[in-house]
C-alpha cells in the first residue's frame, strides 16, 4: 500500500506495554489500536479509551517515531535528523548537559469527552473551541511518553515504534520504520547501533 491507500474499514492490534516509569517494578499495561469506519482511529491505553480524528493520527505517529529516533541515537552515539514534515505539533530538540538530546512535540487540539466516555482528540478549528495539549516526549534512560492534560503514558522504545506503526497501519498507510529510513540522516558520534534497532535505523 502507498501513501494514498484507501483507509481500512476495520483494523485491530494489541500489545502489552512496559510502563517505563515503573519498569523497576515490572509494571505493564495494555495498548490496543483499532479502527471502525472512516473518520477516527481508537487507542486504548490501560483502561482509558481515546479516539483520534484522521487529521491528528498521522502527526502523533510521526512524533512518536521522531522520539524513537532521538532515543536510539542517544544510545548509539548518533544525532538523528528526523524527516521534515508539516506537523500539527511543534517539535523541539534540546541538548542535555550529558551531551544527549531531549525531544518534545507539543500541540493543542480540540479535546473533549464523548457521551460513551471516550476522550476524543480532533483538530482545533477556531478560537472559540476549548483546546488541550497533547505531547510526545523522550525520557532519560531510553523511554518515550505520550502526554495529555490529565494523564501521561510512558513506554519503551520498542513499544514506541510498535505504536507509531500501528497508528499508521490503522490509517491504511505503510509503517514508518520502512518509510523514514531513506529520508533520515545521521551524523556518527561514537559507538554503534544495538542489533535490535538495526531494522529501525
Protein backbone atom coordinates (compact mmCIF):
# COMPACT_ATOMS: atom_id res chain seq x y z
CA UNK A 1 0.00 0.00 0.00
CA UNK A 2 1.20 3.50 -0.75
CA UNK A 3 0.57 6.80 0.96
CA UNK A 4 -2.68 7.24 -0.94
CA UNK A 5 -4.08 3.84 0.06
CA UNK A 6 -7.73 3.60 1.00
CA UNK A 7 -8.24 3.54 4.75
CA UNK A 8 -9.22 0.09 6.03
CA UNK A 9 -12.81 -0.40 7.15
CA UNK A 10 -11.64 -2.36 10.19
CA UNK A 11 -8.33 -2.79 11.98
CA UNK A 12 -7.27 -4.18 15.34
CA UNK A 13 -3.97 -4.90 17.05
CA UNK A 14 -2.84 -5.02 20.68
CA UNK A 15 0.35 -5.26 22.71
CA UNK A 16 1.39 -5.24 26.35
CA UNK A 17 3.45 -2.13 27.07
CA UNK A 18 6.23 -1.70 29.60
CA UNK A 19 5.40 1.24 31.88
CA UNK A 20 8.79 2.93 31.53
CA UNK A 21 8.49 4.97 34.71
CA UNK A 22 7.50 1.83 36.63
CA UNK A 23 9.75 -0.67 34.88
CA UNK A 24 11.76 -1.39 38.03
CA UNK A 25 8.57 -2.87 39.44
CA UNK A 26 7.76 -4.77 36.22
CA UNK A 27 4.68 -2.62 35.60
CA UNK A 28 2.81 -3.44 32.37
CA UNK A 29 -0.39 -2.17 30.78
CA UNK A 30 -2.33 -2.99 27.64
CA UNK A 31 -2.38 -0.92 24.45
CA UNK A 32 -4.96 -1.51 21.73
CA UNK A 33 -5.26 0.25 18.37
CA UNK A 34 -8.41 -0.23 16.31
CA UNK A 35 -10.48 1.28 13.55
CA UNK A 36 -14.14 1.01 12.65
CA UNK A 37 -15.35 3.38 10.00
CA UNK A 38 -13.63 6.15 8.09
CA UNK A 39 -13.06 9.12 10.39
CA UNK A 40 -11.32 8.03 13.59
CA UNK A 41 -8.68 5.68 15.00
CA UNK A 42 -9.26 4.31 18.50
CA UNK A 43 -6.46 3.92 21.04
CA UNK A 44 -6.91 2.22 24.41
CA UNK A 45 -4.12 2.80 26.91
CA UNK A 46 -4.63 0.73 30.06
CA UNK A 47 -8.28 1.45 30.94
CA UNK A 48 -8.50 4.80 29.13
CA UNK A 49 -10.17 4.91 25.68
CA UNK A 50 -9.15 7.58 23.16
CA UNK A 51 -10.46 8.40 19.70
CA UNK A 52 -8.22 10.35 17.31
CA UNK A 53 -9.54 12.08 14.22
CA UNK A 54 -7.81 11.05 10.98
CA UNK A 55 -6.30 14.53 10.70
CA UNK A 56 -4.47 14.00 14.03
CA UNK A 57 -3.39 10.33 13.92
CA UNK A 58 -0.53 10.62 11.42
CA UNK A 59 1.01 13.60 13.27
CA UNK A 60 1.02 11.73 16.58
CA UNK A 61 2.55 8.66 14.91
CA UNK A 62 5.34 10.67 13.27
CA UNK A 63 6.21 12.42 16.54
CA UNK A 64 6.37 9.08 18.35
CA UNK A 65 8.77 7.89 15.68
CA UNK A 66 10.85 11.08 15.96
CA UNK A 67 11.18 10.44 19.70
CA UNK A 68 12.27 6.89 18.97
CA UNK A 69 14.97 8.07 16.56
CA UNK A 70 16.34 10.55 19.07
CA UNK A 71 16.34 7.94 21.85
CA UNK A 72 18.11 5.33 19.72
CA UNK A 73 20.57 7.99 18.57
CA UNK A 74 21.41 8.87 22.17
CA UNK A 75 22.13 5.23 22.98
CA UNK A 76 24.07 4.54 19.80
CA UNK A 77 26.14 7.73 19.61
CA UNK A 78 24.35 9.28 16.63
CA UNK A 79 22.49 12.54 16.18
CA UNK A 80 19.47 11.64 14.03
CA UNK A 81 17.64 14.25 11.96
CA UNK A 82 14.02 13.12 11.56
CA UNK A 83 12.49 13.62 8.14
CA UNK A 84 10.95 17.04 7.57
CA UNK A 85 7.18 17.11 7.68
CA UNK A 86 4.34 19.56 8.16
CA UNK A 87 3.35 18.73 11.74
CA UNK A 88 0.43 19.91 13.84
CA UNK A 89 2.77 19.60 16.85
CA UNK A 90 5.69 21.94 17.49
CA UNK A 91 8.87 19.84 17.61
CA UNK A 92 11.91 20.91 19.64
CA UNK A 93 15.33 19.36 20.27
CA UNK A 94 17.40 20.31 23.32
CA UNK A 95 20.86 19.09 24.25
CA UNK A 96 21.37 17.91 27.82
CA UNK A 97 24.48 18.59 29.87
CA UNK A 98 25.43 14.96 29.27
CA UNK A 99 25.59 15.59 25.53
CA UNK A 100 22.45 13.56 24.81
CA UNK A 101 19.33 15.08 23.28
CA UNK A 102 15.78 15.58 24.50
CA UNK A 103 12.86 15.68 22.07
CA UNK A 104 9.49 17.32 22.66
CA UNK A 105 6.49 17.65 20.35
CA UNK A 106 3.56 19.66 21.67
CA UNK A 107 0.26 20.63 20.09
CA UNK A 108 -3.12 21.93 21.11
CA UNK A 109 -6.25 20.18 19.90
CA UNK A 110 -9.99 20.18 20.37
CA UNK A 111 -10.24 17.53 23.11
CA UNK A 112 -13.47 16.50 24.77
CA UNK A 113 -15.14 13.53 26.42
CA UNK A 114 -17.85 11.88 24.33
CA UNK A 115 -21.08 10.51 25.77
CA UNK A 116 -19.62 7.00 25.80
CA UNK A 117 -16.71 8.14 27.99
CA UNK A 118 -14.15 8.16 25.18
CA UNK A 119 -11.63 11.02 25.11
CA UNK A 120 -11.84 12.48 21.59
CA UNK A 121 -8.93 14.38 20.01
CA UNK A 122 -9.74 16.45 16.92
CA UNK A 123 -8.05 19.32 15.05
CA UNK A 124 -8.53 22.77 16.51
CA UNK A 125 -10.64 24.78 14.10
CA UNK A 126 -11.23 28.13 15.75
CA UNK A 127 -10.58 30.41 18.71
CA UNK A 128 -13.96 29.65 20.30
CA UNK A 129 -13.12 25.97 20.79
CA UNK A 130 -11.61 24.77 24.05
CA UNK A 131 -8.20 23.22 23.48
CA UNK A 132 -5.99 20.86 25.48
CA UNK A 133 -2.39 19.83 24.99
CA UNK A 134 -1.22 16.54 23.51
CA UNK A 135 2.53 15.95 23.61
CA UNK A 136 5.25 13.39 22.92
CA UNK A 137 8.49 13.45 24.95
CA UNK A 138 11.66 11.45 25.28
CA UNK A 139 12.50 10.26 28.79
CA UNK A 140 16.02 9.84 30.11
CA UNK A 141 17.40 6.29 30.06
CA UNK A 142 15.56 5.33 26.88
CA UNK A 143 11.81 5.80 27.25
CA UNK A 144 9.10 7.70 25.37
CA UNK A 145 5.98 9.35 26.77
CA UNK A 146 2.60 10.31 25.28
CA UNK A 147 1.06 13.03 27.46
CA UNK A 148 -2.43 14.52 27.73
CA UNK A 149 -3.59 17.31 30.04
CA UNK A 150 -4.84 14.80 32.59
CA UNK A 151 -2.50 11.81 32.17
CA UNK A 152 0.81 10.64 30.74
CA UNK A 153 1.71 7.19 29.43
CA UNK A 154 5.34 6.09 29.35
CA UNK A 155 6.68 3.12 27.40
CA UNK A 156 9.81 1.59 25.92
CA UNK A 157 11.44 2.34 22.56
CA UNK A 158 10.15 -0.92 21.09
CA UNK A 159 6.65 -0.04 22.27
CA UNK A 160 7.01 3.41 20.70
CA UNK A 161 7.87 2.06 17.24
CA UNK A 162 5.07 -0.52 17.52
CA UNK A 163 2.54 2.20 18.39
CA UNK A 164 3.72 4.56 15.64
CA UNK A 165 3.44 1.77 13.08
CA UNK A 166 0.06 0.56 14.39
CA UNK A 167 -1.41 4.07 14.11
CA UNK A 168 -0.13 4.39 10.55
CA UNK A 169 -1.42 0.95 9.57
CA UNK A 170 -4.82 1.77 11.06
CA UNK A 171 -4.86 4.64 8.54
CA UNK A 172 -4.06 2.21 5.71
CA UNK A 173 -0.51 3.56 5.33
CA UNK A 174 2.92 1.98 5.40
CA UNK A 175 4.62 1.60 8.80
CA UNK A 176 7.08 4.40 9.48
CA UNK A 177 10.10 2.20 10.04
CA UNK A 178 10.11 1.41 6.32
CA UNK A 179 9.20 4.90 5.08
CA UNK A 180 11.52 7.11 7.09
CA UNK A 181 14.89 5.35 6.92
CA UNK A 182 15.87 6.62 3.48
CA UNK A 183 14.95 10.22 4.28
CA UNK A 184 16.60 10.38 7.71
CA UNK A 185 20.19 11.49 8.03
CA UNK A 186 22.55 10.56 10.88
CA UNK A 187 25.85 12.07 11.98
CA UNK A 188 28.13 9.49 13.59
CA UNK A 189 29.47 10.43 17.03
CA UNK A 190 30.73 7.18 18.54
CA UNK A 191 29.66 3.62 19.19
CA UNK A 192 27.25 1.53 17.15
CA UNK A 193 23.58 0.67 16.89
CA UNK A 194 22.34 -2.15 19.10
CA UNK A 195 21.32 -5.14 16.97
CA UNK A 196 17.64 -4.96 17.93
CA UNK A 197 17.35 -1.48 16.40
CA UNK A 198 19.14 -2.05 13.11
CA UNK A 199 15.83 -2.78 11.40
CA UNK A 200 14.53 0.61 12.65
CA UNK A 201 17.53 2.66 11.55
